Amino acid sequence: MARIITLANQKGGVAKTSSCINLGTALAEQQQRILLVDLDP
């Protein structure tokens, strides 16, 4: 079963990208399949 984890905040400068990268790295180290998508306006 796939899980979807979302990090969202409209305010700039709240470390969304850094948090996503770190979470993705941690999941990849546990042999999880991941897809990171960073959408900035």
PDB file of N, CA and C in Angstrom:
ATOM      1  N   MET A   1       0.846  -1.177   0.000  1.00  0.00           N
ATOM      2  CA  MET A   1       0.000   0.000   0.000  1.00  0.00           C
ATOM      3  C   MET A   1       0.894   1.242   0.000  1.00  0.00           C
ATOM      4  N   ALA A   2       0.598   2.175  -0.888  1.00  0.00           N
ATOM      5  CA  ALA A   2       1.375   3.414  -0.986  1.00  0.00           C
ATOM      6  C   ALA A   2       0.920   4.413   0.066  1.00  0.00           C
ATOM      7  N   ARG A   3       1.876   5.129   0.583  1.00  0.00           N
ATOM      8  CA  ARG A   3       1.581   6.220   1.512  1.00  0.00           C
ATOM      9  C   ARG A   3       1.965   7.522   0.849  1.00  0.00           C
ATOM     10  N   ILE A   4       1.190   8.539   1.086  1.00  0.00           N
ATOM     11  CA  ILE A   4       1.489   9.866   0.558  1.00  0.00           C
ATOM     12  C   ILE A   4       1.748  10.778   1.740  1.00  0.00           C
ATOM     13  N   ILE A   5       2.917  11.407   1.747  1.00  0.00           N
ATOM     14  CA  ILE A   5       3.280  12.364   2.785  1.00  0.00           C
ATOM     15  C   ILE A   5       3.410  13.718   2.112  1.00  0.00           C
ATOM     16  N   THR A   6       2.738  14.724   2.649  1.00  0.00           N
ATOM     17  CA  THR A   6       2.752  16.056   2.058  1.00  0.00           C
ATOM     18  C   THR A   6       3.259  17.072   3.070  1.00  0.00           C
ATOM     19  N   LEU A   7       4.190  17.911   2.637  1.00  0.00           N
ATOM     20  CA  LEU A   7       4.647  19.042   3.437  1.00  0.00           C
ATOM     21  C   LEU A   7       4.250  20.302   2.684  1.00  0.00           C
ATOM     22  N   ALA A   8       3.423  21.114   3.303  1.00  0.00           N
ATOM     23  CA  ALA A   8       2.935  22.303   2.606  1.00  0.00           C
ATOM     24  C   ALA A   8       2.842  23.491   3.550  1.00  0.00           C
ATOM     25  N   ASN A   9       3.187  24.642   3.031  1.00  0.00           N
ATOM     26  CA  ASN A   9       3.044  25.890   3.748  1.00  0.00           C
ATOM     27  C   ASN A   9       3.183  27.002   2.725  1.00  0.00           C
ATOM     28  N   GLN A  10       2.302  27.976   2.743  1.00  0.00           N
ATOM     29  CA  GLN A  10       2.358  29.043   1.753  1.00  0.00           C
ATOM     30  C   GLN A  10       3.449  30.062   2.059  1.00  0.00           C
ATOM     31  N   LYS A  11       3.815  30.187   3.317  1.00  0.00           N
ATOM     32  CA  LYS A  11       4.826  31.163   3.701  1.00  0.00           C
ATOM     33  C   LYS A  11       6.189  30.707   3.186  1.00  0.00           C
ATOM     34  N   GLY A  12       6.955  31.613   2.690  1.00  0.00           N
ATOM     35  CA  GLY A  12       8.298  31.288   2.228  1.00  0.00           C
ATOM     36  C   GLY A  12       9.266  31.180   3.391  1.00  0.00           C
ATOM     37  N   GLY A  13      10.346  30.458   3.154  1.00  0.00           N
ATOM     38  CA  GLY A  13      11.415  30.378   4.140  1.00  0.00           C
ATOM     39  C   GLY A  13      11.128  29.523   5.353  1.00  0.00           C
ATOM     40  N   VAL A  14      10.293  28.486   5.210  1.00  0.00           N
ATOM     41  CA  VAL A  14       9.990  27.625   6.357  1.00  0.00           C
ATOM     42  C   VAL A  14      10.607  26.233   6.211  1.00  0.00           C
ATOM     43  N   ALA A  15      11.592  26.097   5.346  1.00  0.00           N
ATOM     44  CA  ALA A  15      12.396  24.872   5.179  1.00  0.00           C
ATOM     45  C   ALA A  15      11.611  23.679   4.641  1.00  0.00           C
ATOM     46  N   LYS A  16      10.647  23.927   3.763  1.00  0.00           N
ATOM     47  CA  LYS A  16       9.902  22.822   3.158  1.00  0.00           C
ATOM     48  C   LYS A  16      10.814  21.951   2.309  1.00  0.00           C
ATOM     49  N   THR A  17      11.627  22.557   1.463  1.00  0.00           N
ATOM     50  CA  THR A  17      12.505  21.786   0.586  1.00  0.00           C
ATOM     51  C   THR A  17      13.516  21.001   1.399  1.00  0.00           C
ATOM     52  N   SER A  18      14.125  21.614   2.381  1.00  0.00           N
ATOM     53  CA  SER A  18      15.099  20.910   3.226  1.00  0.00           C
ATOM     54  C   SER A  18      14.445  19.751   3.954  1.00  0.00           C
ATOM     55  N   SER A  19      13.251  19.950   4.459  1.00  0.00           N
ATOM     56  CA  SER A  19      12.541  18.883   5.163  1.00  0.00           C
ATOM     57  C   SER A  19      12.231  17.731   4.215  1.00  0.00           C
ATOM     58  N   CYS A  20      11.807  18.040   2.995  1.00  0.00           N
ATOM     59  CA  CYS A  20      11.500  16.993   2.016  1.00  0.00           C
ATOM     60  C   CYS A  20      12.741  16.203   1.645  1.00  0.00           C
ATOM     61  N   ILE A  21      13.838  16.891   1.422  1.00  0.00           N
ATOM     62  CA  ILE A  21      15.091  16.211   1.068  1.00  0.00           C
ATOM     63  C   ILE A  21      15.529  15.284   2.203  1.00  0.00           C
ATOM     64  N   ASN A  22      15.487  15.780   3.433  1.00  0.00           N
ATOM     65  CA  ASN A  22      15.914  14.968   4.574  1.00  0.00           C
ATOM     66  C   ASN A  22      14.987  13.772   4.793  1.00  0.00           C
ATOM     67  N   LEU A  23      13.686  13.973   4.657  1.00  0.00           N
ATOM     68  CA  LEU A  23      12.741  12.876   4.808  1.00  0.00           C
ATOM     69  C   LEU A  23      12.940  11.838   3.697  1.00  0.00           C
ATOM     70  N   GLY A  24      13.110  12.300   2.471  1.00  0.00           N
ATOM     71  CA  GLY A  24      13.344  11.393   1.351  1.00  0.00           C
ATOM     72  C   GLY A  24      14.616  10.589   1.517  1.00  0.00           C
ATOM     73  N   THR A  25      15.668  11.230   2.003  1.00  0.00           N
ATOM     74  CA  THR A  25      16.930  10.533   2.243  1.00  0.00           C
ATOM     75  C   THR A  25      16.763   9.458   3.307  1.00  0.00           C
ATOM     76  N   ALA A  26      16.074   9.788   4.387  1.00  0.00           N
ATOM     77  CA  ALA A  26      15.851   8.819   5.470  1.00  0.00           C
ATOM     78  C   ALA A  26      15.040   7.625   4.970  1.00  0.00           C
ATOM     79  N   LEU A  27      14.006   7.884   4.176  1.00  0.00           N
ATOM     80  CA  LEU A  27      13.194   6.787   3.639  1.00  0.00           C
ATOM     81  C   LEU A  27      13.993   5.936   2.656  1.00  0.00           C
ATOM     82  N   ALA A  28      14.812   6.573   1.826  1.00  0.00           N
ATOM     83  CA  ALA A  28      15.627   5.828   0.861  1.00  0.00           C
ATOM     84  C   ALA A  28      16.634   4.934   1.578  1.00  0.00           C
ATOM     85  N   GLU A  29      17.175   5.401   2.688  1.00  0.00           N
ATOM     86  CA  GLU A  29      18.115   4.582   3.451  1.00  0.00           C
ATOM     87  C   GLU A  29      17.439   3.350   4.043  1.00  0.00           C
ATOM     88  N   GLN A  30      16.120   3.394   4.200  1.00  0.00           N
ATOM     89  CA  GLN A  30      15.357   2.252   4.693  1.00  0.00           C
ATOM     90  C   GLN A  30      14.791   1.419   3.543  1.00  0.00           C
ATOM     91  N   GLN A  31      15.360   1.605   2.357  1.00  0.00           N
ATOM     92  CA  GLN A  31      14.978   0.851   1.161  1.00  0.00           C
ATOM     93  C   GLN A  31      13.547   1.124   0.714  1.00  0.00           C
ATOM     94  N   GLN A  32      13.014   2.287   1.021  1.00  0.00           N
ATOM     95  CA  GLN A  32      11.679   2.672   0.566  1.00  0.00           C
ATOM     96  C   GLN A  32      11.791   3.320  -0.813  1.00  0.00           C
ATOM     97  N   ARG A  33      10.790   3.107  -1.639  1.00  0.00           N
ATOM     98  CA  ARG A  33      10.732   3.786  -2.927  1.00  0.00           C
ATOM     99  C   ARG A  33      10.135   5.161  -2.701  1.00  0.00           C
ATOM    100  N   ILE A  34      10.775   6.170  -3.256  1.00  0.00           N
ATOM    101  CA  ILE A  34      10.316   7.541  -3.022  1.00  0.00           C
ATOM    102  C   ILE A  34      10.256   8.333  -4.324  1.00  0.00           C
ATOM    103  N   LEU A  35       9.409   9.323  -4.322  1.00  0.00           N
ATOM    104  CA  LEU A  35       9.356  10.322  -5.399  1.00  0.00           C
ATOM    105  C   LEU A  35       9.200  11.660  -4.712  1.00  0.00           C
ATOM    106  N   LEU A  36      10.179  12.535  -4.904  1.00  0.00           N
ATOM    107  CA  LEU A  36      10.113  13.875  -4.335  1.00  0.00           C
ATOM    108  C   LEU A  36       9.737  14.854  -5.436  1.00  0.00           C
ATOM    109  N   VAL A  37       8.767  15.707  -5.135  1.00  0.00           N
ATOM    110  CA  VAL A  37       8.344  16.741  -6.068  1.00  0.00           C
ATOM    111  C   VAL A  37       8.346  18.055  -5.315  1.00  0.00           C
ATOM    112  N   ASP A  38       9.107  19.030  -5.788  1.00  0.00           N
ATOM    113  CA  ASP A  38       9.182  20.340  -5.156  1.00  0.00           C
ATOM    114  C   ASP A  38       8.559  21.351  -6.118  1.00  0.00           C
ATOM    115  N   LEU A  39       7.434  21.907  -5.721  1.00  0.00           N
ATOM    116  CA  LEU A  39       6.731  22.866  -6.564  1.00  0.00           C
ATOM    117  C   LEU A  39       6.795  24.251  -5.932  1.00  0.00           C
ATOM    118  N   ASP A  40       7.514  25.160  -6.567  1.00  0.00           N
ATOM    119  CA  ASP A  40       7.584  26.545  -6.103  1.00  0.00           C
ATOM    120  C   ASP A  40       6.995  27.441  -7.186  1.00  0.00           C
ATOM    121  N   PRO A  41       6.241  28.455  -6.740  1.00  0.00           N
ATOM    122  CA  PRO A  41       5.683  29.379  -7.751  1.00  0.00           C
ATOM    123  C   PRO A  41       6.765  30.216  -8.415  1.00  0.00           C
TER     124      PRO A  41
END
